[in-house]
């Protein structure tokens, strides 16, 4: 798993201080985004696991490593399985083509990294 670690935890660790700094500069913008995030994940017809898998797939389609890492971690926490993540990522190949074949494996590596963290923590 160590060869894949640069797509999960390392991305979140790199982005965290950058987010904090910008959040101090534009707190109201971050507050608005947090409200939007909360609304998007509010209980509804789709459960949080499914919504996080959708967000993970969109992260792949957009080529956003931060989105991939964040939603891979959240999907694991919401109970998604490796196969569910793989299936969601597989759909991105249809929707984005070649670029998804680059970001898709990164997303799967990030998901597996966070799944391994959870497995170790619960062992």
N, C-alpha and C. Protein backbone atom coordinates (compact mmCIF):
# COMPACT_ATOMS: atom_id res chain seq x y z
N UNK A 1 0.81 -1.19 0.00
CA UNK A 1 0.00 0.00 0.00
C UNK A 1 0.85 1.26 0.00
N UNK A 2 2.07 1.19 0.44
CA UNK A 2 2.88 2.40 0.57
C UNK A 2 3.11 3.09 -0.76
N UNK A 3 3.16 2.35 -1.86
CA UNK A 3 3.37 2.98 -3.16
C UNK A 3 2.17 3.80 -3.60
N UNK A 4 1.03 3.60 -2.96
CA UNK A 4 -0.19 4.31 -3.33
C UNK A 4 -0.53 5.45 -2.37
N UNK A 5 0.24 5.60 -1.32
CA UNK A 5 -0.14 6.52 -0.26
C UNK A 5 -0.16 7.98 -0.70
N UNK A 6 0.48 8.31 -1.80
CA UNK A 6 0.52 9.71 -2.23
C UNK A 6 -0.81 10.22 -2.76
N UNK A 7 -1.80 9.37 -2.88
CA UNK A 7 -3.08 9.80 -3.44
C UNK A 7 -4.18 9.96 -2.40
N UNK A 8 -3.90 9.60 -1.16
CA UNK A 8 -4.91 9.69 -0.11
C UNK A 8 -4.50 10.61 1.00
N UNK A 9 -3.95 10.03 2.04
CA UNK A 9 -3.58 10.78 3.24
C UNK A 9 -2.62 11.93 2.92
N UNK A 10 -1.63 11.69 2.07
CA UNK A 10 -0.64 12.74 1.76
C UNK A 10 -1.30 13.96 1.12
N UNK A 11 -2.28 13.72 0.28
CA UNK A 11 -3.00 14.84 -0.36
C UNK A 11 -3.76 15.63 0.69
N UNK A 12 -4.46 14.93 1.58
CA UNK A 12 -5.20 15.64 2.63
C UNK A 12 -4.27 16.40 3.56
N UNK A 13 -3.15 15.78 3.90
CA UNK A 13 -2.18 16.46 4.78
C UNK A 13 -1.59 17.70 4.11
N UNK A 14 -1.36 17.62 2.81
CA UNK A 14 -0.83 18.78 2.09
C UNK A 14 -1.84 19.90 2.01
N UNK A 15 -3.10 19.56 1.79
CA UNK A 15 -4.13 20.56 1.59
C UNK A 15 -4.61 21.21 2.88
N UNK A 16 -4.54 20.51 3.99
CA UNK A 16 -5.10 21.01 5.25
C UNK A 16 -4.58 22.39 5.65
N UNK A 17 -3.27 22.62 5.69
CA UNK A 17 -2.82 23.97 6.08
C UNK A 17 -3.17 25.03 5.04
N UNK A 18 -3.25 24.65 3.79
CA UNK A 18 -3.63 25.59 2.73
C UNK A 18 -5.08 26.02 2.90
N UNK A 19 -5.94 25.06 3.22
CA UNK A 19 -7.35 25.38 3.48
C UNK A 19 -7.49 26.28 4.69
N UNK A 20 -6.75 25.97 5.75
CA UNK A 20 -6.84 26.80 6.96
C UNK A 20 -6.47 28.25 6.66
N UNK A 21 -5.40 28.43 5.91
CA UNK A 21 -4.94 29.78 5.58
C UNK A 21 -5.98 30.54 4.76
N UNK A 22 -6.51 29.90 3.74
CA UNK A 22 -7.51 30.57 2.91
C UNK A 22 -8.81 30.78 3.68
N UNK A 23 -9.17 29.82 4.54
CA UNK A 23 -10.39 29.96 5.34
C UNK A 23 -10.32 31.20 6.22
N UNK A 24 -9.14 31.50 6.75
CA UNK A 24 -8.97 32.72 7.56
C UNK A 24 -9.18 33.98 6.70
N UNK A 25 -8.82 33.90 5.43
CA UNK A 25 -8.94 35.06 4.54
C UNK A 25 -10.37 35.26 4.05
N UNK A 26 -11.10 34.16 3.82
CA UNK A 26 -12.47 34.26 3.29
C UNK A 26 -13.41 33.35 4.08
N UNK A 27 -13.61 33.65 5.36
CA UNK A 27 -14.40 32.75 6.19
C UNK A 27 -15.85 32.60 5.75
N UNK A 28 -16.45 33.64 5.24
CA UNK A 28 -17.85 33.56 4.82
C UNK A 28 -18.03 32.66 3.60
N UNK A 29 -17.04 32.67 2.72
CA UNK A 29 -17.10 31.79 1.55
C UNK A 29 -17.03 30.33 2.00
N UNK A 30 -16.12 30.04 2.91
CA UNK A 30 -16.01 28.68 3.44
C UNK A 30 -17.27 28.28 4.20
N UNK A 31 -17.86 29.23 4.92
CA UNK A 31 -19.10 28.95 5.64
C UNK A 31 -20.21 28.58 4.65
N UNK A 32 -20.30 29.33 3.57
CA UNK A 32 -21.31 29.04 2.55
C UNK A 32 -21.08 27.69 1.90
N UNK A 33 -19.81 27.37 1.63
CA UNK A 33 -19.50 26.06 1.04
C UNK A 33 -19.85 24.94 2.02
N UNK A 34 -19.57 25.14 3.30
CA UNK A 34 -19.90 24.13 4.31
C UNK A 34 -21.41 23.89 4.37
N UNK A 35 -22.19 24.96 4.24
CA UNK A 35 -23.64 24.82 4.23
C UNK A 35 -24.11 24.05 3.00
N UNK A 36 -23.50 24.34 1.85
CA UNK A 36 -23.83 23.61 0.62
C UNK A 36 -23.47 22.13 0.78
N UNK A 37 -22.29 21.86 1.32
CA UNK A 37 -21.85 20.48 1.55
C UNK A 37 -22.85 19.75 2.45
N UNK A 38 -23.25 20.39 3.53
CA UNK A 38 -24.21 19.79 4.45
C UNK A 38 -25.53 19.49 3.74
N UNK A 39 -26.00 20.42 2.94
CA UNK A 39 -27.26 20.23 2.22
C UNK A 39 -27.15 19.09 1.20
N UNK A 40 -26.02 18.99 0.54
CA UNK A 40 -25.84 17.93 -0.47
C UNK A 40 -25.81 16.54 0.15
N UNK A 41 -25.41 16.46 1.41
CA UNK A 41 -25.32 15.16 2.08
C UNK A 41 -26.42 14.94 3.11
N UNK A 42 -27.43 15.81 3.10
CA UNK A 42 -28.60 15.67 3.98
C UNK A 42 -29.31 14.36 3.65
N UNK A 43 -29.88 13.75 4.66
CA UNK A 43 -30.59 12.49 4.46
C UNK A 43 -31.68 12.67 3.41
N UNK A 44 -31.74 11.73 2.49
CA UNK A 44 -32.74 11.76 1.43
C UNK A 44 -32.87 10.38 0.82
N UNK A 45 -33.30 10.32 -0.43
CA UNK A 45 -33.49 9.04 -1.10
C UNK A 45 -32.17 8.29 -1.28
N UNK A 46 -31.07 9.02 -1.44
CA UNK A 46 -29.76 8.38 -1.54
C UNK A 46 -29.07 8.44 -0.19
N UNK A 47 -28.47 7.33 0.21
CA UNK A 47 -27.74 7.33 1.47
C UNK A 47 -26.38 8.02 1.29
N UNK A 48 -25.73 8.30 2.40
CA UNK A 48 -24.46 9.01 2.37
C UNK A 48 -23.40 8.22 1.62
N UNK A 49 -23.39 6.91 1.78
CA UNK A 49 -22.42 6.06 1.07
C UNK A 49 -22.53 6.28 -0.44
N UNK A 50 -23.74 6.25 -0.95
CA UNK A 50 -23.96 6.44 -2.39
C UNK A 50 -23.55 7.84 -2.82
N UNK A 51 -23.91 8.82 -2.04
CA UNK A 51 -23.56 10.21 -2.36
C UNK A 51 -22.04 10.40 -2.37
N UNK A 52 -21.33 9.77 -1.43
CA UNK A 52 -19.88 9.88 -1.40
C UNK A 52 -19.24 9.17 -2.60
N UNK A 53 -19.81 8.06 -3.01
CA UNK A 53 -19.30 7.38 -4.21
C UNK A 53 -19.52 8.23 -5.45
N UNK A 54 -20.65 8.91 -5.52
CA UNK A 54 -20.90 9.83 -6.63
C UNK A 54 -19.87 10.95 -6.60
N UNK A 55 -19.64 11.52 -5.43
CA UNK A 55 -18.65 12.60 -5.30
C UNK A 55 -17.26 12.11 -5.67
N UNK A 56 -16.92 10.90 -5.27
CA UNK A 56 -15.63 10.31 -5.64
C UNK A 56 -15.51 10.20 -7.16
N UNK A 57 -16.56 9.72 -7.80
CA UNK A 57 -16.55 9.59 -9.26
C UNK A 57 -16.44 10.95 -9.93
N UNK A 58 -17.11 11.94 -9.42
CA UNK A 58 -17.00 13.29 -9.98
C UNK A 58 -15.58 13.82 -9.80
N UNK A 59 -14.97 13.54 -8.66
CA UNK A 59 -13.58 13.91 -8.45
C UNK A 59 -12.66 13.32 -9.51
N UNK A 60 -12.93 12.07 -9.89
CA UNK A 60 -12.15 11.42 -10.95
C UNK A 60 -12.39 12.14 -12.27
N UNK A 61 -13.65 12.36 -12.62
CA UNK A 61 -13.98 13.02 -13.89
C UNK A 61 -13.38 14.42 -13.96
N UNK A 62 -13.35 15.12 -12.84
CA UNK A 62 -12.78 16.46 -12.80
C UNK A 62 -11.26 16.46 -12.67
N UNK A 63 -10.68 15.31 -12.35
CA UNK A 63 -9.23 15.23 -12.16
C UNK A 63 -8.75 16.00 -10.95
N UNK A 64 -9.54 15.98 -9.88
CA UNK A 64 -9.25 16.75 -8.67
C UNK A 64 -8.73 15.81 -7.58
N UNK A 65 -7.41 15.84 -7.37
CA UNK A 65 -6.81 14.95 -6.38
C UNK A 65 -7.32 15.21 -4.97
N UNK A 66 -7.56 16.46 -4.62
CA UNK A 66 -8.10 16.78 -3.30
C UNK A 66 -9.50 16.23 -3.12
N UNK A 67 -10.33 16.36 -4.15
CA UNK A 67 -11.69 15.82 -4.11
C UNK A 67 -11.65 14.30 -4.00
N UNK A 68 -10.76 13.69 -4.78
CA UNK A 68 -10.61 12.24 -4.75
C UNK A 68 -10.26 11.79 -3.34
N UNK A 69 -9.23 12.39 -2.75
CA UNK A 69 -8.79 11.97 -1.42
C UNK A 69 -9.89 12.18 -0.38
N UNK A 70 -10.51 13.35 -0.41
CA UNK A 70 -11.53 13.68 0.57
C UNK A 70 -12.73 12.74 0.48
N UNK A 71 -13.21 12.49 -0.73
CA UNK A 71 -14.40 11.67 -0.88
C UNK A 71 -14.09 10.18 -0.81
N UNK A 72 -12.86 9.78 -1.11
CA UNK A 72 -12.46 8.39 -0.88
C UNK A 72 -12.52 8.10 0.61
N UNK A 73 -11.94 9.00 1.40
CA UNK A 73 -11.96 8.83 2.86
C UNK A 73 -13.40 8.83 3.37
N UNK A 74 -14.21 9.76 2.90
CA UNK A 74 -15.59 9.85 3.37
C UNK A 74 -16.40 8.62 2.94
N UNK A 75 -16.14 8.10 1.74
CA UNK A 75 -16.86 6.90 1.28
C UNK A 75 -16.51 5.70 2.16
N UNK A 76 -15.24 5.58 2.52
CA UNK A 76 -14.84 4.50 3.43
C UNK A 76 -15.57 4.66 4.76
N UNK A 77 -15.55 5.86 5.30
CA UNK A 77 -16.21 6.12 6.58
C UNK A 77 -17.71 5.86 6.52
N UNK A 78 -18.30 6.05 5.32
CA UNK A 78 -19.74 5.82 5.15
C UNK A 78 -20.06 4.35 4.90
N UNK A 79 -19.02 3.50 4.84
CA UNK A 79 -19.25 2.07 4.71
C UNK A 79 -19.15 1.50 3.31
N UNK A 80 -18.67 2.28 2.36
CA UNK A 80 -18.52 1.77 0.99
C UNK A 80 -17.45 0.68 0.95
N UNK A 81 -17.64 -0.28 0.08
CA UNK A 81 -16.67 -1.36 -0.09
C UNK A 81 -15.70 -1.02 -1.22
N UNK A 82 -14.61 -1.76 -1.28
CA UNK A 82 -13.66 -1.58 -2.37
C UNK A 82 -14.33 -1.84 -3.72
N UNK A 83 -15.20 -2.85 -3.78
CA UNK A 83 -15.85 -3.15 -5.05
C UNK A 83 -16.82 -2.05 -5.45
N UNK A 84 -17.53 -1.48 -4.49
CA UNK A 84 -18.42 -0.36 -4.81
C UNK A 84 -17.62 0.83 -5.34
N UNK A 85 -16.48 1.10 -4.71
CA UNK A 85 -15.63 2.19 -5.20
C UNK A 85 -15.13 1.88 -6.61
N UNK A 86 -14.69 0.66 -6.82
CA UNK A 86 -14.20 0.27 -8.15
C UNK A 86 -15.30 0.41 -9.19
N UNK A 87 -16.52 -0.01 -8.86
CA UNK A 87 -17.64 0.10 -9.80
C UNK A 87 -17.95 1.56 -10.12
N UNK A 88 -17.97 2.41 -9.10
CA UNK A 88 -18.24 3.85 -9.33
C UNK A 88 -17.14 4.45 -10.19
N UNK A 89 -15.90 4.10 -9.91
CA UNK A 89 -14.77 4.61 -10.70
C UNK A 89 -14.84 4.08 -12.13
N UNK A 90 -15.28 2.85 -12.29
CA UNK A 90 -15.41 2.27 -13.62
C UNK A 90 -16.36 3.06 -14.51
N UNK A 91 -17.42 3.60 -13.94
CA UNK A 91 -18.36 4.40 -14.71
C UNK A 91 -17.69 5.66 -15.25
N UNK A 92 -16.71 6.17 -14.53
CA UNK A 92 -16.03 7.39 -14.98
C UNK A 92 -15.28 7.19 -16.29
N UNK A 93 -14.87 5.96 -16.56
CA UNK A 93 -14.18 5.69 -17.83
C UNK A 93 -15.11 5.99 -19.01
N UNK A 94 -16.38 5.63 -18.86
CA UNK A 94 -17.37 5.92 -19.88
C UNK A 94 -17.56 7.43 -20.04
N UNK A 95 -17.65 8.12 -18.92
CA UNK A 95 -18.00 9.53 -18.95
C UNK A 95 -16.84 10.46 -19.25
N UNK A 96 -15.59 10.01 -18.99
CA UNK A 96 -14.44 10.89 -19.18
C UNK A 96 -13.37 10.31 -20.09
N UNK A 97 -13.44 9.03 -20.37
CA UNK A 97 -12.47 8.41 -21.27
C UNK A 97 -11.08 8.31 -20.66
N UNK A 98 -10.08 8.55 -21.49
CA UNK A 98 -8.68 8.37 -21.11
C UNK A 98 -8.26 9.04 -19.83
N UNK A 99 -8.60 10.33 -19.60
CA UNK A 99 -8.18 10.94 -18.35
C UNK A 99 -8.68 10.20 -17.10
N UNK A 100 -9.84 9.59 -17.20
CA UNK A 100 -10.36 8.83 -16.06
C UNK A 100 -9.52 7.58 -15.81
N UNK A 101 -8.87 7.07 -16.85
CA UNK A 101 -8.02 5.89 -16.64
C UNK A 101 -6.74 6.27 -15.90
N UNK A 102 -6.46 7.56 -15.77
CA UNK A 102 -5.33 8.03 -14.97
C UNK A 102 -5.81 8.35 -13.55
N UNK A 103 -6.85 9.15 -13.43
CA UNK A 103 -7.34 9.54 -12.11
C UNK A 103 -8.12 8.43 -11.42
N UNK A 104 -8.70 7.52 -12.19
CA UNK A 104 -9.44 6.39 -11.60
C UNK A 104 -8.56 5.51 -10.72
N UNK A 105 -7.42 5.06 -11.23
CA UNK A 105 -6.54 4.27 -10.37
C UNK A 105 -6.04 5.05 -9.15
N UNK A 106 -5.83 6.34 -9.30
CA UNK A 106 -5.45 7.16 -8.14
C UNK A 106 -6.57 7.15 -7.10
N UNK A 107 -7.80 7.27 -7.56
CA UNK A 107 -8.94 7.27 -6.65
C UNK A 107 -9.07 5.91 -5.96
N UNK A 108 -8.87 4.84 -6.70
CA UNK A 108 -8.96 3.51 -6.10
C UNK A 108 -7.84 3.31 -5.08
N UNK A 109 -6.65 3.78 -5.39
CA UNK A 109 -5.53 3.68 -4.45
C UNK A 109 -5.83 4.46 -3.18
N UNK A 110 -6.39 5.66 -3.32
CA UNK A 110 -6.75 6.46 -2.15
C UNK A 110 -7.81 5.74 -1.33
N UNK A 111 -8.83 5.22 -1.99
CA UNK A 111 -9.88 4.50 -1.28
C UNK A 111 -9.29 3.33 -0.51
N UNK A 112 -8.45 2.54 -1.18
CA UNK A 112 -7.85 1.37 -0.53
C UNK A 112 -6.96 1.79 0.64
N UNK A 113 -6.27 2.90 0.50
CA UNK A 113 -5.44 3.40 1.60
C UNK A 113 -6.29 3.71 2.82
N UNK A 114 -7.39 4.43 2.63
CA UNK A 114 -8.26 4.76 3.75
C UNK A 114 -8.97 3.52 4.30
N UNK A 115 -9.33 2.58 3.43
CA UNK A 115 -9.94 1.34 3.89
C UNK A 115 -8.96 0.56 4.76
N UNK A 116 -7.70 0.56 4.37
CA UNK A 116 -6.67 -0.13 5.16
C UNK A 116 -6.49 0.55 6.52
N UNK A 117 -6.53 1.88 6.56
CA UNK A 117 -6.43 2.60 7.83
C UNK A 117 -7.56 2.18 8.77
N UNK A 118 -8.77 2.10 8.23
CA UNK A 118 -9.93 1.70 9.04
C UNK A 118 -9.77 0.27 9.51
N UNK A 119 -9.32 -0.61 8.63
CA UNK A 119 -9.13 -2.01 9.00
C UNK A 119 -8.09 -2.17 10.11
N UNK A 120 -7.00 -1.43 10.01
CA UNK A 120 -5.95 -1.49 11.04
C UNK A 120 -6.46 -0.92 12.35
N UNK A 121 -7.19 0.19 12.28
CA UNK A 121 -7.70 0.84 13.49
C UNK A 121 -8.71 -0.05 14.22
N UNK A 122 -9.48 -0.83 13.47
CA UNK A 122 -10.51 -1.66 14.09
C UNK A 122 -10.00 -3.05 14.45
N UNK A 123 -8.77 -3.35 14.11
CA UNK A 123 -8.20 -4.68 14.42
C UNK A 123 -7.73 -4.76 15.85
